[in-house]
Amino acid sequence: MGLGRFVAGVGLAAGVGLATYLTLTQQDPVTWGKKVQRSVQQTTQQLDDIRQAKDRVAANAQALSTALEDGTQTLNAIQTQIDKFQFKVAPRVTAIEETLARLEAHES
């Protein structure tokens, strides 16, 4: 029974407070109610937009992470191919350098 009186008192106080506010600001209760309703709808829409943006950011971050992993694998594969090419070409480069050194020595 005490809780019921408390809830009734709080409800009455809120109603009196709202009536006082509307009287002091000279607002129509219906217009005020519609304004509050629009404000709540806008806030709800903005929260939904934020949630959707957060989800898009999370999805894009995951896609970026995947792309970085794929890029790292590709770079590693390229580096492996470069190392193999250098290994195969090294004897020829050495032979060319020796030939150039002999030609330069011969010209001197």
N, C-alpha and C. Protein backbone atom coordinates (compact mmCIF):
# COMPACT_ATOMS: atom_id res chain seq x y z
N MET A 1 0.82 -1.19 0.00
CA MET A 1 0.00 0.00 0.00
C MET A 1 0.86 1.25 0.00
N GLY A 2 1.99 1.24 0.70
CA GLY A 2 2.88 2.39 0.73
C GLY A 2 3.50 2.66 -0.64
N LEU A 3 3.80 1.59 -1.37
CA LEU A 3 4.41 1.75 -2.69
C LEU A 3 3.40 2.36 -3.66
N GLY A 4 2.15 1.96 -3.55
CA GLY A 4 1.10 2.52 -4.41
C GLY A 4 0.95 4.01 -4.20
N ARG A 5 0.98 4.44 -2.94
CA ARG A 5 0.89 5.89 -2.65
C ARG A 5 2.09 6.63 -3.21
N PHE A 6 3.26 6.00 -3.08
CA PHE A 6 4.48 6.64 -3.59
C PHE A 6 4.38 6.83 -5.10
N VAL A 7 3.98 5.79 -5.84
CA VAL A 7 3.86 5.87 -7.30
C VAL A 7 2.81 6.91 -7.67
N ALA A 8 1.71 6.92 -6.95
CA ALA A 8 0.66 7.91 -7.23
C ALA A 8 1.17 9.32 -6.97
N GLY A 9 1.94 9.50 -5.89
CA GLY A 9 2.50 10.82 -5.58
C GLY A 9 3.49 11.27 -6.64
N VAL A 10 4.33 10.35 -7.09
CA VAL A 10 5.30 10.69 -8.14
C VAL A 10 4.58 11.04 -9.43
N GLY A 11 3.57 10.28 -9.78
CA GLY A 11 2.78 10.57 -10.99
C GLY A 11 2.10 11.92 -10.90
N LEU A 12 1.52 12.20 -9.73
CA LEU A 12 0.85 13.49 -9.53
C LEU A 12 1.85 14.63 -9.61
N ALA A 13 3.02 14.46 -8.99
CA ALA A 13 4.05 15.50 -9.03
C ALA A 13 4.53 15.74 -10.45
N ALA A 14 4.70 14.66 -11.21
CA ALA A 14 5.14 14.80 -12.61
C ALA A 14 4.08 15.53 -13.41
N GLY A 15 2.81 15.19 -13.19
CA GLY A 15 1.72 15.86 -13.91
C GLY A 15 1.65 17.34 -13.57
N VAL A 16 1.78 17.65 -12.29
CA VAL A 16 1.75 19.07 -11.87
C VAL A 16 2.96 19.80 -12.45
N GLY A 17 4.11 19.16 -12.41
CA GLY A 17 5.32 19.79 -12.96
C GLY A 17 5.18 20.05 -14.44
N LEU A 18 4.64 19.09 -15.19
CA LEU A 18 4.44 19.28 -16.62
C LEU A 18 3.42 20.38 -16.89
N ALA A 19 2.34 20.40 -16.13
CA ALA A 19 1.33 21.44 -16.31
C ALA A 19 1.92 22.81 -16.03
N THR A 20 2.75 22.90 -14.99
CA THR A 20 3.40 24.17 -14.66
C THR A 20 4.34 24.59 -15.78
N TYR A 21 5.12 23.64 -16.28
CA TYR A 21 6.06 23.94 -17.36
C TYR A 21 5.32 24.44 -18.59
N LEU A 22 4.24 23.75 -18.97
CA LEU A 22 3.49 24.14 -20.16
C LEU A 22 2.84 25.51 -19.97
N THR A 23 2.39 25.81 -18.75
CA THR A 23 1.77 27.10 -18.48
C THR A 23 2.80 28.21 -18.55
N LEU A 24 3.96 27.99 -17.92
CA LEU A 24 5.00 29.02 -17.91
C LEU A 24 5.57 29.29 -19.30
N THR A 25 5.71 28.25 -20.11
CA THR A 25 6.27 28.42 -21.45
C THR A 25 5.20 28.69 -22.49
N GLN A 26 3.96 28.72 -22.06
CA GLN A 26 2.81 29.02 -22.92
C GLN A 26 2.77 28.09 -24.14
N GLN A 27 2.85 26.80 -23.86
CA GLN A 27 2.81 25.81 -24.93
C GLN A 27 1.52 25.01 -24.85
N ASP A 28 1.05 24.61 -26.01
CA ASP A 28 -0.12 23.75 -26.11
C ASP A 28 0.32 22.32 -25.80
N PRO A 29 -0.39 21.59 -24.93
CA PRO A 29 0.03 20.23 -24.58
C PRO A 29 0.10 19.29 -25.79
N VAL A 30 -0.82 19.43 -26.74
CA VAL A 30 -0.81 18.56 -27.92
C VAL A 30 0.42 18.86 -28.77
N THR A 31 0.69 20.16 -28.99
CA THR A 31 1.86 20.55 -29.77
C THR A 31 3.13 20.08 -29.07
N TRP A 32 3.19 20.24 -27.76
CA TRP A 32 4.36 19.82 -27.00
C TRP A 32 4.55 18.30 -27.11
N GLY A 33 3.44 17.57 -27.01
CA GLY A 33 3.51 16.11 -27.12
C GLY A 33 4.01 15.66 -28.48
N LYS A 34 3.52 16.32 -29.55
CA LYS A 34 3.98 15.97 -30.90
C LYS A 34 5.46 16.31 -31.07
N LYS A 35 5.88 17.43 -30.48
CA LYS A 35 7.28 17.84 -30.55
C LYS A 35 8.18 16.81 -29.85
N VAL A 36 7.74 16.36 -28.68
CA VAL A 36 8.50 15.35 -27.94
C VAL A 36 8.52 14.04 -28.73
N GLN A 37 7.40 13.68 -29.34
CA GLN A 37 7.33 12.46 -30.12
C GLN A 37 8.31 12.52 -31.30
N ARG A 38 8.33 13.66 -32.01
CA ARG A 38 9.27 13.82 -33.13
C ARG A 38 10.72 13.73 -32.65
N SER A 39 10.97 14.34 -31.51
CA SER A 39 12.32 14.32 -30.95
C SER A 39 12.74 12.89 -30.62
N VAL A 40 11.83 12.12 -30.04
CA VAL A 40 12.12 10.72 -29.70
C VAL A 40 12.35 9.91 -30.98
N GLN A 41 11.53 10.13 -32.00
CA GLN A 41 11.69 9.41 -33.26
C GLN A 41 13.03 9.75 -33.91
N GLN A 42 13.41 11.04 -33.90
CA GLN A 42 14.70 11.45 -34.48
C GLN A 42 15.86 10.82 -33.72
N THR A 43 15.76 10.82 -32.40
CA THR A 43 16.82 10.23 -31.59
C THR A 43 16.93 8.74 -31.85
N THR A 44 15.79 8.07 -31.96
CA THR A 44 15.79 6.64 -32.26
C THR A 44 16.42 6.38 -33.62
N GLN A 45 16.09 7.19 -34.62
CA GLN A 45 16.66 7.03 -35.96
C GLN A 45 18.17 7.27 -35.93
N GLN A 46 18.60 8.27 -35.18
CA GLN A 46 20.03 8.55 -35.08
C GLN A 46 20.77 7.40 -34.41
N LEU A 47 20.16 6.81 -33.39
CA LEU A 47 20.78 5.65 -32.74
C LEU A 47 20.88 4.47 -33.70
N ASP A 48 19.84 4.26 -34.50
CA ASP A 48 19.88 3.19 -35.50
C ASP A 48 20.98 3.46 -36.52
N ASP A 49 21.09 4.73 -36.95
CA ASP A 49 22.14 5.10 -37.91
C ASP A 49 23.52 4.84 -37.32
N ILE A 50 23.69 5.16 -36.04
CA ILE A 50 24.99 4.93 -35.38
C ILE A 50 25.29 3.44 -35.31
N ARG A 51 24.29 2.65 -34.97
CA ARG A 51 24.49 1.19 -34.91
C ARG A 51 24.88 0.63 -36.28
N GLN A 52 24.19 1.10 -37.31
CA GLN A 52 24.50 0.63 -38.67
C GLN A 52 25.90 1.06 -39.07
N ALA A 53 26.28 2.30 -38.73
CA ALA A 53 27.63 2.78 -39.05
C ALA A 53 28.67 1.95 -38.32
N LYS A 54 28.41 1.62 -37.07
CA LYS A 54 29.33 0.80 -36.28
C LYS A 54 29.49 -0.57 -36.92
N ASP A 55 28.38 -1.14 -37.37
CA ASP A 55 28.44 -2.45 -38.02
C ASP A 55 29.24 -2.38 -39.33
N ARG A 56 29.04 -1.28 -40.09
CA ARG A 56 29.80 -1.12 -41.34
C ARG A 56 31.28 -0.96 -41.05
N VAL A 57 31.62 -0.19 -40.01
CA VAL A 57 33.03 -0.01 -39.66
C VAL A 57 33.65 -1.35 -39.26
N ALA A 58 32.92 -2.13 -38.48
CA ALA A 58 33.44 -3.45 -38.07
C ALA A 58 33.64 -4.35 -39.28
N ALA A 59 32.69 -4.35 -40.21
CA ALA A 59 32.81 -5.18 -41.42
C ALA A 59 33.98 -4.70 -42.27
N ASN A 60 34.13 -3.38 -42.41
CA ASN A 60 35.25 -2.84 -43.20
C ASN A 60 36.59 -3.13 -42.54
N ALA A 61 36.63 -3.09 -41.23
CA ALA A 61 37.87 -3.40 -40.52
C ALA A 61 38.24 -4.87 -40.73
N GLN A 62 37.25 -5.74 -40.72
CA GLN A 62 37.51 -7.15 -40.98
C GLN A 62 37.99 -7.35 -42.41
N ALA A 63 37.36 -6.66 -43.35
CA ALA A 63 37.79 -6.78 -44.75
C ALA A 63 39.22 -6.25 -44.92
N LEU A 64 39.54 -5.16 -44.24
CA LEU A 64 40.90 -4.62 -44.31
C LEU A 64 41.90 -5.61 -43.73
N SER A 65 41.56 -6.21 -42.62
CA SER A 65 42.44 -7.20 -42.01
C SER A 65 42.69 -8.37 -42.96
N THR A 66 41.64 -8.84 -43.60
CA THR A 66 41.77 -9.93 -44.57
C THR A 66 42.64 -9.50 -45.75
N ALA A 67 42.42 -8.28 -46.24
CA ALA A 67 43.21 -7.78 -47.37
C ALA A 67 44.68 -7.65 -46.99
N LEU A 68 44.95 -7.21 -45.78
CA LEU A 68 46.34 -7.10 -45.33
C LEU A 68 47.01 -8.47 -45.24
N GLU A 69 46.28 -9.45 -44.75
CA GLU A 69 46.82 -10.81 -44.69
C GLU A 69 47.11 -11.32 -46.09
N ASP A 70 46.16 -11.11 -47.01
CA ASP A 70 46.36 -11.55 -48.40
C ASP A 70 47.54 -10.81 -49.02
N GLY A 71 47.65 -9.52 -48.75
CA GLY A 71 48.75 -8.72 -49.29
C GLY A 71 50.09 -9.20 -48.76
N THR A 72 50.13 -9.55 -47.50
CA THR A 72 51.38 -10.05 -46.90
C THR A 72 51.78 -11.36 -47.55
N GLN A 73 50.82 -12.24 -47.77
CA GLN A 73 51.11 -13.51 -48.43
C GLN A 73 51.62 -13.28 -49.85
N THR A 74 51.01 -12.34 -50.55
CA THR A 74 51.43 -12.03 -51.91
C THR A 74 52.85 -11.47 -51.92
N LEU A 75 53.14 -10.54 -51.01
CA LEU A 75 54.49 -9.98 -50.93
C LEU A 75 55.52 -11.05 -50.60
N ASN A 76 55.17 -11.97 -49.72
CA ASN A 76 56.08 -13.07 -49.39
C ASN A 76 56.33 -13.94 -50.61
N ALA A 77 55.29 -14.22 -51.38
CA ALA A 77 55.44 -15.03 -52.59
C ALA A 77 56.33 -14.30 -53.61
N ILE A 78 56.13 -12.99 -53.75
CA ILE A 78 56.95 -12.21 -54.67
C ILE A 78 58.41 -12.23 -54.22
N GLN A 79 58.64 -12.05 -52.93
CA GLN A 79 60.01 -12.05 -52.41
C GLN A 79 60.67 -13.40 -52.64
N THR A 80 59.92 -14.47 -52.47
CA THR A 80 60.45 -15.81 -52.73
C THR A 80 60.86 -15.95 -54.19
N GLN A 81 60.03 -15.46 -55.09
CA GLN A 81 60.35 -15.53 -56.52
C GLN A 81 61.57 -14.69 -56.85
N ILE A 82 61.68 -13.52 -56.23
CA ILE A 82 62.86 -12.66 -56.44
C ILE A 82 64.12 -13.37 -55.96
N ASP A 83 64.05 -13.98 -54.80
CA ASP A 83 65.21 -14.71 -54.26
C ASP A 83 65.62 -15.85 -55.19
N LYS A 84 64.65 -16.58 -55.71
CA LYS A 84 64.95 -17.67 -56.65
C LYS A 84 65.60 -17.11 -57.92
N PHE A 85 65.07 -16.02 -58.42
CA PHE A 85 65.62 -15.42 -59.64
C PHE A 85 67.05 -14.95 -59.40
N GLN A 86 67.27 -14.29 -58.28
CA GLN A 86 68.62 -13.83 -57.97
C GLN A 86 69.59 -15.00 -57.84
N PHE A 87 69.14 -16.09 -57.25
CA PHE A 87 69.98 -17.28 -57.11
C PHE A 87 70.36 -17.84 -58.48
N LYS A 88 69.36 -17.88 -59.39
CA LYS A 88 69.62 -18.41 -60.73
C LYS A 88 70.51 -17.47 -61.55
N VAL A 89 70.35 -16.18 -61.37
CA VAL A 89 71.06 -15.19 -62.19
C VAL A 89 72.45 -14.89 -61.62
N ALA A 90 72.67 -15.15 -60.36
CA ALA A 90 73.94 -14.79 -59.70
C ALA A 90 75.17 -15.31 -60.44
N PRO A 91 75.21 -16.57 -60.88
CA PRO A 91 76.42 -17.02 -61.60
C PRO A 91 76.64 -16.24 -62.91
N ARG A 92 75.56 -15.91 -63.59
CA ARG A 92 75.70 -15.17 -64.85
C ARG A 92 76.19 -13.74 -64.59
N VAL A 93 75.65 -13.12 -63.53
CA VAL A 93 76.09 -11.77 -63.18
C VAL A 93 77.57 -11.79 -62.81
N THR A 94 77.98 -12.81 -62.09
CA THR A 94 79.39 -12.94 -61.72
C THR A 94 80.26 -13.10 -62.97
N ALA A 95 79.81 -13.90 -63.92
CA ALA A 95 80.56 -14.10 -65.16
C ALA A 95 80.65 -12.80 -65.94
N ILE A 96 79.55 -12.05 -65.99
CA ILE A 96 79.55 -10.76 -66.70
C ILE A 96 80.50 -9.79 -66.02
N GLU A 97 80.46 -9.73 -64.70
CA GLU A 97 81.37 -8.83 -63.98
C GLU A 97 82.83 -9.21 -64.21
N GLU A 98 83.13 -10.51 -64.22
CA GLU A 98 84.50 -10.94 -64.48
C GLU A 98 84.94 -10.57 -65.88
N THR A 99 84.03 -10.75 -66.85
CA THR A 99 84.35 -10.38 -68.23
C THR A 99 84.60 -8.89 -68.34
N LEU A 100 83.77 -8.08 -67.72
CA LEU A 100 83.96 -6.63 -67.74
C LEU A 100 85.28 -6.25 -67.08
N ALA A 101 85.61 -6.89 -65.99
CA ALA A 101 86.87 -6.59 -65.31
C ALA A 101 88.06 -6.93 -66.20
N ARG A 102 87.99 -8.07 -66.94
CA ARG A 102 89.07 -8.44 -67.85
C ARG A 102 89.17 -7.46 -69.00
N LEU A 103 88.00 -7.03 -69.52
CA LEU A 103 88.03 -6.05 -70.62
C LEU A 103 88.61 -4.73 -70.17
N GLU A 104 88.25 -4.32 -68.98
CA GLU A 104 88.80 -3.06 -68.46
C GLU A 104 90.29 -3.20 -68.20
N ALA A 105 90.71 -4.35 -67.71
CA ALA A 105 92.13 -4.58 -67.48
C ALA A 105 92.88 -4.66 -68.80
N HIS A 106 92.28 -5.23 -69.80
CA HIS A 106 92.88 -5.35 -71.12
C HIS A 106 93.04 -3.98 -71.77
N GLU A 107 92.04 -3.09 -71.59
CA GLU A 107 92.10 -1.75 -72.15
C GLU A 107 93.12 -0.89 -71.45
N SER A 108 93.41 -1.13 -70.20
CA SER A 108 94.35 -0.29 -69.44
C SER A 108 95.75 -0.51 -69.83
